[in-house]
Amino acid sequence: MNKRLWLFLGLFLCAVVPFSAHGADKLVLNTGTRDPFTTEDKNGFLDLLIKEVFQRIGIEAEIIVYQASARALSNADEGVDDGATLRVKGIEKKFPNLIRVPEKLMDNDFVAYSLHDYLDVSNWASMASYDIAYILGWQIFQNNLPDHKSTVRTKDAKQLMALLAHDRVDLVLYERWQGLWRANKLDMKIKVYEPPLAQREMFMYLNKKHADLVEKVATSLAEIKKDGTYQKIFDQTLTPYLQ
């Protein structure tokens, strides 16, 4: 076979086969979220869900985790990774190379935790007289409590839960499942105040080079929800942390 024919075949395959910077046979999506959504042994909620979603359309996929959330989005936008998971609607305005899969992954609840069950926590305003803590940079809390008089902002979740464990604050504000996971690991009995202070729909995004997969992925995710597989994964990975 002459060189021209080899060149033609190579260009043809590049055009029709989805390509990942991590290898042509696997898509790699990223996130900035760890346990219990992603775990070291790849058995977290997102690990299993994303694997199942793509497996049903004949594609192998996995999630990698970045400590720096902004870096994860930049890499997905630039095509270093194939997409991003567990992201709010609208990030495509800042990252135009990302296409949102319209079927949501889940709702994220942002809640208040306490060691006590007698506090009045029904909305943002109800916390005015309490000592609170949340992780520095979490905009959903910073934007809703800009003038709170007694606030501690921690560098990470470990510090956040340590404040609660030692009863240094009345309330800590965090995402529901990550907070429950940490409380479980610390053997802490905590009160989760309902309803959530805020709830956000969370989505998966694909780099535009995989635009042809967006509808297929959305359909696969919807089918997983309909046939009970979604609930099975949810119960396996998240439900055990309910107190």
C-alpha atoms as a PDB file:
ATOM      1  CA  MET A   1       0.000   0.000   0.000  1.00  0.00           C
ATOM      2  CA  ASN A   2       1.534   3.320  -1.051  1.00  0.00           C
ATOM      3  CA  LYS A   3       2.132   6.319   1.242  1.00  0.00           C
ATOM      4  CA  ARG A   4      -0.729   8.370  -0.222  1.00  0.00           C
ATOM      5  CA  LEU A   5      -3.276   5.652   0.558  1.00  0.00           C
ATOM      6  CA  TRP A   6      -1.959   5.276   4.129  1.00  0.00           C
ATOM      7  CA  LEU A   7      -2.189   9.043   4.590  1.00  0.00           C
ATOM      8  CA  PHE A   8      -5.763   9.091   3.271  1.00  0.00           C
ATOM      9  CA  LEU A   9      -6.815   6.274   5.616  1.00  0.00           C
ATOM     10  CA  GLY A  10      -5.200   8.026   8.577  1.00  0.00           C
ATOM     11  CA  LEU A  11      -7.001  11.300   7.873  1.00  0.00           C
ATOM     12  CA  PHE A  12     -10.297   9.451   7.376  1.00  0.00           C
ATOM     13  CA  LEU A  13     -10.044   7.656  10.722  1.00  0.00           C
ATOM     14  CA  CYS A  14      -9.209  10.888  12.554  1.00  0.00           C
ATOM     15  CA  ALA A  15     -12.313  12.462  11.074  1.00  0.00           C
ATOM     16  CA  VAL A  16     -14.787   9.729  11.980  1.00  0.00           C
ATOM     17  CA  VAL A  17     -13.475   8.271  15.264  1.00  0.00           C
ATOM     18  CA  PRO A  18     -13.995  10.335  18.454  1.00  0.00           C
ATOM     19  CA  PHE A  19     -10.566  11.233  19.826  1.00  0.00           C
ATOM     20  CA  SER A  20      -9.587  11.729  23.434  1.00  0.00           C
ATOM     21  CA  ALA A  21      -6.368  13.390  24.491  1.00  0.00           C
ATOM     22  CA  HIS A  22      -6.007  10.429  26.868  1.00  0.00           C
ATOM     23  CA  GLY A  23      -6.423   7.834  24.109  1.00  0.00           C
ATOM     24  CA  ALA A  24      -8.735   7.152  21.196  1.00  0.00           C
ATOM     25  CA  ASP A  25     -10.538   4.238  22.849  1.00  0.00           C
ATOM     26  CA  LYS A  26     -11.734   5.954  26.029  1.00  0.00           C
ATOM     27  CA  LEU A  27     -13.427   9.212  26.911  1.00  0.00           C
ATOM     28  CA  VAL A  28     -12.174  10.977  30.024  1.00  0.00           C
ATOM     29  CA  LEU A  29     -14.428  13.434  31.830  1.00  0.00           C
ATOM     30  CA  ASN A  30     -13.310  15.422  34.823  1.00  0.00           C
ATOM     31  CA  THR A  31     -14.722  16.819  38.037  1.00  0.00           C
ATOM     32  CA  GLY A  32     -13.557  18.759  41.065  1.00  0.00           C
ATOM     33  CA  THR A  33     -15.665  16.655  43.447  1.00  0.00           C
ATOM     34  CA  ARG A  34     -14.424  13.722  45.500  1.00  0.00           C
ATOM     35  CA  ASP A  35     -16.147  11.298  47.910  1.00  0.00           C
ATOM     36  CA  PRO A  36     -18.776  10.014  47.770  1.00  0.00           C
ATOM     37  CA  PHE A  37     -19.286  11.114  44.149  1.00  0.00           C
ATOM     38  CA  THR A  38     -15.889   9.847  43.000  1.00  0.00           C
ATOM     39  CA  THR A  39     -13.668   7.452  44.926  1.00  0.00           C
ATOM     40  CA  GLU A  40     -10.172   6.031  44.688  1.00  0.00           C
ATOM     41  CA  ASP A  41     -11.539   2.630  43.717  1.00  0.00           C
ATOM     42  CA  LYS A  42     -13.823   4.130  41.031  1.00  0.00           C
ATOM     43  CA  ASN A  43     -16.992   3.062  42.833  1.00  0.00           C
ATOM     44  CA  GLY A  44     -18.454   6.483  43.622  1.00  0.00           C
ATOM     45  CA  PHE A  45     -21.843   7.679  42.403  1.00  0.00           C
ATOM     46  CA  LEU A  46     -20.448   9.545  39.396  1.00  0.00           C
ATOM     47  CA  ASP A  47     -17.866   6.870  38.647  1.00  0.00           C
ATOM     48  CA  LEU A  48     -20.551   4.220  38.232  1.00  0.00           C
ATOM     49  CA  LEU A  49     -23.156   6.449  36.606  1.00  0.00           C
ATOM     50  CA  ILE A  50     -20.881   7.876  33.916  1.00  0.00           C
ATOM     51  CA  LYS A  51     -19.459   4.433  33.160  1.00  0.00           C
ATOM     52  CA  GLU A  52     -22.985   3.041  32.693  1.00  0.00           C
ATOM     53  CA  VAL A  53     -24.213   5.976  30.595  1.00  0.00           C
ATOM     54  CA  PHE A  54     -21.437   5.640  28.033  1.00  0.00           C
ATOM     55  CA  GLN A  55     -21.286   1.858  28.118  1.00  0.00           C
ATOM     56  CA  ARG A  56     -24.864   1.781  26.834  1.00  0.00           C
ATOM     57  CA  ILE A  57     -23.813   3.665  23.713  1.00  0.00           C
ATOM     58  CA  GLY A  58     -20.751   1.480  23.186  1.00  0.00           C
ATOM     59  CA  ILE A  59     -18.100   3.825  24.599  1.00  0.00           C
ATOM     60  CA  GLU A  60     -15.715   3.333  27.504  1.00  0.00           C
ATOM     61  CA  ALA A  61     -15.548   6.361  29.824  1.00  0.00           C
ATOM     62  CA  GLU A  62     -14.103   7.295  33.186  1.00  0.00           C
ATOM     63  CA  ILE A  63     -13.795  10.298  35.489  1.00  0.00           C
ATOM     64  CA  ILE A  64     -10.627  11.936  36.749  1.00  0.00           C
ATOM     65  CA  VAL A  65     -10.549  14.370  39.665  1.00  0.00           C
ATOM     66  CA  TYR A  66      -8.856  17.761  39.881  1.00  0.00           C
ATOM     67  CA  GLN A  67      -8.313  19.553  43.168  1.00  0.00           C
ATOM     68  CA  ALA A  68      -8.536  22.863  41.318  1.00  0.00           C
ATOM     69  CA  SER A  69     -12.069  23.154  39.953  1.00  0.00           C
ATOM     70  CA  ALA A  70     -11.190  25.954  37.522  1.00  0.00           C
ATOM     71  CA  ARG A  71      -8.364  23.878  36.044  1.00  0.00           C
ATOM     72  CA  ALA A  72     -10.800  21.036  35.393  1.00  0.00           C
ATOM     73  CA  LEU A  73     -13.110  23.288  33.382  1.00  0.00           C
ATOM     74  CA  SER A  74     -10.229  24.804  31.427  1.00  0.00           C
ATOM     75  CA  ASN A  75      -8.923  21.376  30.477  1.00  0.00           C
ATOM     76  CA  ALA A  76     -12.378  20.258  29.367  1.00  0.00           C
ATOM     77  CA  ASP A  77     -12.850  23.440  27.339  1.00  0.00           C
ATOM     78  CA  GLU A  78      -9.443  23.108  25.678  1.00  0.00           C
ATOM     79  CA  GLY A  79     -10.014  19.439  24.837  1.00  0.00           C
ATOM     80  CA  VAL A  80      -7.302  18.093  27.127  1.00  0.00           C
ATOM     81  CA  ASP A  81     -10.157  16.138  28.703  1.00  0.00           C
ATOM     82  CA  ASP A  82     -13.324  15.135  26.860  1.00  0.00           C
ATOM     83  CA  GLY A  83     -15.786  16.848  29.170  1.00  0.00           C
ATOM     84  CA  ALA A  84     -16.779  17.799  32.696  1.00  0.00           C
ATOM     85  CA  THR A  85     -19.330  16.450  35.145  1.00  0.00           C
ATOM     86  CA  LEU A  86     -21.457  17.734  38.014  1.00  0.00           C
ATOM     87  CA  ARG A  87     -21.564  21.329  36.789  1.00  0.00           C
ATOM     88  CA  VAL A  88     -24.311  23.944  36.933  1.00  0.00           C
ATOM     89  CA  LYS A  89     -26.188  25.185  33.896  1.00  0.00           C
ATOM     90  CA  GLY A  90     -24.623  28.128  32.088  1.00  0.00           C
ATOM     91  CA  ILE A  91     -20.883  27.518  32.305  1.00  0.00           C
ATOM     92  CA  GLU A  92     -20.782  27.367  28.506  1.00  0.00           C
ATOM     93  CA  LYS A  93     -20.969  31.175  28.565  1.00  0.00           C
ATOM     94  CA  LYS A  94     -17.444  31.245  29.973  1.00  0.00           C
ATOM     95  CA  PHE A  95     -16.272  28.017  28.357  1.00  0.00           C
ATOM     96  CA  PRO A  96     -17.689  28.140  24.801  1.00  0.00           C
ATOM     97  CA  ASN A  97     -16.182  24.826  23.697  1.00  0.00           C
ATOM     98  CA  LEU A  98     -18.359  22.923  26.168  1.00  0.00           C
ATOM     99  CA  ILE A  99     -21.813  21.615  25.229  1.00  0.00           C
ATOM    100  CA  ARG A 100     -24.266  20.774  28.000  1.00  0.00           C
ATOM    101  CA  VAL A 101     -25.959  17.375  27.962  1.00  0.00           C
ATOM    102  CA  PRO A 102     -29.588  18.467  28.543  1.00  0.00           C
ATOM    103  CA  GLU A 103     -30.554  15.557  30.825  1.00  0.00           C
ATOM    104  CA  LYS A 104     -29.446  16.507  34.352  1.00  0.00           C
ATOM    105  CA  LEU A 105     -27.234  14.247  36.433  1.00  0.00           C
ATOM    106  CA  MET A 106     -28.841  15.167  39.762  1.00  0.00           C
ATOM    107  CA  ASP A 107     -29.878  17.990  42.078  1.00  0.00           C
ATOM    108  CA  ASN A 108     -27.241  19.217  44.502  1.00  0.00           C
ATOM    109  CA  ASP A 109     -28.588  20.327  47.868  1.00  0.00           C
ATOM    110  CA  PHE A 110     -26.730  22.958  49.863  1.00  0.00           C
ATOM    111  CA  VAL A 111     -27.628  22.546  53.510  1.00  0.00           C
ATOM    112  CA  ALA A 112     -26.837  23.593  57.068  1.00  0.00           C
ATOM    113  CA  TYR A 113     -25.414  21.067  59.535  1.00  0.00           C
ATOM    114  CA  SER A 114     -25.287  21.255  63.306  1.00  0.00           C
ATOM    115  CA  LEU A 115     -24.570  19.107  66.336  1.00  0.00           C
ATOM    116  CA  HIS A 116     -27.834  20.418  67.754  1.00  0.00           C
ATOM    117  CA  ASP A 117     -31.431  19.899  66.660  1.00  0.00           C
ATOM    118  CA  TYR A 118     -33.075  22.918  68.290  1.00  0.00           C
ATOM    119  CA  LEU A 119     -31.840  25.722  66.034  1.00  0.00           C
ATOM    120  CA  ASP A 120     -34.175  27.642  63.749  1.00  0.00           C
ATOM    121  CA  VAL A 121     -32.757  27.183  60.256  1.00  0.00           C
ATOM    122  CA  SER A 122     -35.484  27.622  57.676  1.00  0.00           C
ATOM    123  CA  ASN A 123     -33.846  30.070  55.249  1.00  0.00           C
ATOM    124  CA  TRP A 124     -30.828  32.349  54.820  1.00  0.00           C
ATOM    125  CA  ALA A 125     -32.206  35.089  57.069  1.00  0.00           C
ATOM    126  CA  SER A 126     -32.926  32.691  59.941  1.00  0.00           C
ATOM    127  CA  MET A 127     -29.180  32.186  60.516  1.00  0.00           C
ATOM    128  CA  ALA A 128     -28.498  35.837  61.334  1.00  0.00           C
ATOM    129  CA  SER A 129     -27.740  35.234  65.026  1.00  0.00           C
ATOM    130  CA  TYR A 130     -25.693  32.037  64.623  1.00  0.00           C
ATOM    131  CA  ASP A 131     -21.970  31.426  64.268  1.00  0.00           C
ATOM    132  CA  ILE A 132     -21.513  29.788  60.869  1.00  0.00           C
ATOM    133  CA  ALA A 133     -18.705  28.387  58.739  1.00  0.00           C
ATOM    134  CA  TYR A 134     -18.292  27.431  55.103  1.00  0.00           C
ATOM    135  CA  ILE A 135     -15.458  26.808  52.665  1.00  0.00           C
ATOM    136  CA  LEU A 136     -13.810  29.872  51.191  1.00  0.00           C
ATOM    137  CA  GLY A 137     -14.782  30.334  47.555  1.00  0.00           C
ATOM    138  CA  TRP A 138     -18.181  28.617  47.687  1.00  0.00           C
ATOM    139  CA  GLN A 139     -20.109  31.361  45.920  1.00  0.00           C
ATOM    140  CA  ILE A 140     -23.560  30.068  46.777  1.00  0.00           C
ATOM    141  CA  PHE A 141     -22.901  30.823  50.451  1.00  0.00           C
ATOM    142  CA  GLN A 142     -20.850  33.967  49.955  1.00  0.00           C
ATOM    143  CA  ASN A 143     -23.471  35.495  47.684  1.00  0.00           C
ATOM    144  CA  ASN A 144     -26.362  34.797  50.038  1.00  0.00           C
ATOM    145  CA  LEU A 145     -24.607  35.735  53.290  1.00  0.00           C
ATOM    146  CA  PRO A 146     -22.387  38.703  52.362  1.00  0.00           C
ATOM    147  CA  ASP A 147     -23.020  40.627  55.592  1.00  0.00           C
ATOM    148  CA  HIS A 148     -23.242  37.812  58.110  1.00  0.00           C
ATOM    149  CA  LYS A 149     -21.683  39.058  61.344  1.00  0.00           C
ATOM    150  CA  SER A 150     -20.081  35.841  62.578  1.00  0.00           C
ATOM    151  CA  THR A 151     -18.586  33.793  59.768  1.00  0.00           C
ATOM    152  CA  VAL A 152     -15.553  31.534  59.567  1.00  0.00           C
ATOM    153  CA  ARG A 153     -14.299  30.672  56.091  1.00  0.00           C
ATOM    154  CA  THR A 154     -12.161  27.550  55.976  1.00  0.00           C
ATOM    155  CA  LYS A 155      -9.681  26.432  53.341  1.00  0.00           C
ATOM    156  CA  ASP A 156     -11.210  22.968  52.953  1.00  0.00           C
ATOM    157  CA  ALA A 157     -13.861  20.520  54.142  1.00  0.00           C
ATOM    158  CA  LYS A 158     -11.551  18.928  56.716  1.00  0.00           C
ATOM    159  CA  GLN A 159     -11.220  22.216  58.579  1.00  0.00           C
ATOM    160  CA  LEU A 160     -14.928  22.863  58.171  1.00  0.00           C
ATOM    161  CA  MET A 161     -15.992  19.636  59.838  1.00  0.00           C
ATOM    162  CA  ALA A 162     -13.360  20.015  62.564  1.00  0.00           C
ATOM    163  CA  LEU A 163     -15.003  23.273  63.628  1.00  0.00           C
ATOM    164  CA  LEU A 164     -18.322  21.483  63.909  1.00  0.00           C
ATOM    165  CA  ALA A 165     -16.865  18.453  65.688  1.00  0.00           C
ATOM    166  CA  HIS A 166     -15.382  20.720  68.382  1.00  0.00           C
ATOM    167  CA  ASP A 167     -18.577  22.787  68.638  1.00  0.00           C
ATOM    168  CA  ARG A 168     -16.730  25.958  67.622  1.00  0.00           C
ATOM    169  CA  VAL A 169     -19.612  27.122  65.442  1.00  0.00           C
ATOM    170  CA  ASP A 170     -23.366  26.659  65.531  1.00  0.00           C
ATOM    171  CA  LEU A 171     -23.684  25.675  61.883  1.00  0.00           C
ATOM    172  CA  VAL A 172     -21.564  24.638  58.946  1.00  0.00           C
ATOM    173  CA  LEU A 173     -22.829  25.047  55.396  1.00  0.00           C
ATOM    174  CA  TYR A 174     -21.940  22.439  52.804  1.00  0.00           C
ATOM    175  CA  GLU A 175     -23.243  20.162  50.058  1.00  0.00           C
ATOM    176  CA  ARG A 176     -25.490  17.406  51.412  1.00  0.00           C
ATOM    177  CA  TRP A 177     -23.719  14.182  50.403  1.00  0.00           C
ATOM    178  CA  GLN A 178     -20.145  15.313  50.892  1.00  0.00           C
ATOM    179  CA  GLY A 179     -21.067  16.520  54.367  1.00  0.00           C
ATOM    180  CA  LEU A 180     -22.795  13.263  55.268  1.00  0.00           C
ATOM    181  CA  TRP A 181     -19.829  11.261  53.976  1.00  0.00           C
ATOM    182  CA  ARG A 182     -17.391  13.242  56.137  1.00  0.00           C
ATOM    183  CA  ALA A 183     -19.603  13.000  59.201  1.00  0.00           C
ATOM    184  CA  ASN A 184     -19.763   9.231  58.689  1.00  0.00           C
ATOM    185  CA  LYS A 185     -15.975   8.951  58.490  1.00  0.00           C
ATOM    186  CA  LEU A 186     -15.640  10.984  61.700  1.00  0.00           C
ATOM    187  CA  ASP A 187     -18.416   9.022  63.415  1.00  0.00           C
ATOM    188  CA  MET A 188     -20.318  12.270  64.013  1.00  0.00           C
ATOM    189  CA  LYS A 189     -24.040  12.430  64.627  1.00  0.00           C
ATOM    190  CA  ILE A 190     -25.183  15.600  62.929  1.00  0.00           C
ATOM    191  CA  LYS A 191     -28.467  17.324  62.220  1.00  0.00           C
ATOM    192  CA  VAL A 192     -29.158  18.184  58.591  1.00  0.00           C
ATOM    193  CA  TYR A 193     -31.612  21.063  58.453  1.00  0.00           C
ATOM    194  CA  GLU A 194     -34.407  20.855  55.910  1.00  0.00           C
ATOM    195  CA  PRO A 195     -35.393  22.150  53.464  1.00  0.00           C
ATOM    196  CA  PRO A 196     -32.068  22.836  51.725  1.00  0.00           C
ATOM    197  CA  LEU A 197     -30.924  26.448  51.725  1.00  0.00           C
ATOM    198  CA  ALA A 198     -30.483  26.102  47.970  1.00  0.00           C
ATOM    199  CA  GLN A 199     -30.783  23.458  45.283  1.00  0.00           C
ATOM    200  CA  ARG A 200     -29.057  23.422  41.915  1.00  0.00           C
ATOM    201  CA  GLU A 201     -29.459  21.167  38.891  1.00  0.00           C
ATOM    202  CA  MET A 202     -26.141  19.585  37.936  1.00  0.00           C
ATOM    203  CA  PHE A 203     -25.153  18.528  34.429  1.00  0.00           C
ATOM    204  CA  MET A 204     -22.540  16.843  32.294  1.00  0.00           C
ATOM    205  CA  TYR A 205     -20.708  18.768  29.572  1.00  0.00           C
ATOM    206  CA  LEU A 206     -18.865  17.435  26.532  1.00  0.00           C
ATOM    207  CA  ASN A 207     -16.187  19.172  24.534  1.00  0.00           C
ATOM    208  CA  LYS A 208     -17.529  20.296  21.144  1.00  0.00           C
ATOM    209  CA  LYS A 209     -15.416  17.669  19.369  1.00  0.00           C
ATOM    210  CA  HIS A 210     -17.964  15.191  20.754  1.00  0.00           C
ATOM    211  CA  ALA A 211     -21.029  17.189  19.721  1.00  0.00           C
ATOM    212  CA  ASP A 212     -22.398  14.149  17.902  1.00  0.00           C
ATOM    213  CA  LEU A 213     -22.617  12.282  21.226  1.00  0.00           C
ATOM    214  CA  VAL A 214     -24.620  14.837  23.199  1.00  0.00           C
ATOM    215  CA  GLU A 215     -28.114  13.580  22.316  1.00  0.00           C
ATOM    216  CA  LYS A 216     -27.061   9.940  22.579  1.00  0.00           C
ATOM    217  CA  VAL A 217     -25.688  10.552  26.065  1.00  0.00           C
ATOM    218  CA  ALA A 218     -28.837  12.430  27.106  1.00  0.00           C
ATOM    219  CA  THR A 219     -31.024   9.564  25.890  1.00  0.00           C
ATOM    220  CA  SER A 220     -28.867   6.975  27.644  1.00  0.00           C
ATOM    221  CA  LEU A 221     -29.042   8.870  30.951  1.00  0.00           C
ATOM    222  CA  ALA A 222     -32.821   9.239  30.662  1.00  0.00           C
ATOM    223  CA  GLU A 223     -33.177   5.494  30.030  1.00  0.00           C
ATOM    224  CA  ILE A 224     -31.041   4.697  33.068  1.00  0.00           C
ATOM    225  CA  LYS A 225     -33.362   6.798  35.211  1.00  0.00           C
ATOM    226  CA  LYS A 226     -36.449   5.147  33.729  1.00  0.00           C
ATOM    227  CA  ASP A 227     -35.379   1.505  34.088  1.00  0.00           C
ATOM    228  CA  GLY A 228     -34.272   1.788  37.724  1.00  0.00           C
ATOM    229  CA  THR A 229     -30.518   1.609  37.199  1.00  0.00           C
ATOM    230  CA  TYR A 230     -30.054   5.200  38.344  1.00  0.00           C
ATOM    231  CA  GLN A 231     -31.814   4.534  41.652  1.00  0.00           C
ATOM    232  CA  LYS A 232     -29.800   1.343  42.127  1.00  0.00           C
ATOM    233  CA  ILE A 233     -26.522   3.255  41.749  1.00  0.00           C
ATOM    234  CA  PHE A 234     -27.832   6.030  44.014  1.00  0.00           C
ATOM    235  CA  ASP A 235     -28.812   3.560  46.744  1.00  0.00           C
ATOM    236  CA  GLN A 236     -25.498   1.752  46.467  1.00  0.00           C
ATOM    237  CA  THR A 237     -23.286   4.829  46.716  1.00  0.00           C
ATOM    238  CA  LEU A 238     -25.168   7.642  48.502  1.00  0.00           C
ATOM    239  CA  THR A 239     -28.092   6.297  50.527  1.00  0.00           C
ATOM    240  CA  PRO A 240     -25.834   4.473  53.052  1.00  0.00           C
ATOM    241  CA  TYR A 241     -24.652   7.838  54.391  1.00  0.00           C
ATOM    242  CA  LEU A 242     -28.096   8.980  55.479  1.00  0.00           C
ATOM    243  CA  GLN A 243     -28.323   9.291  59.249  1.00  0.00           C
END
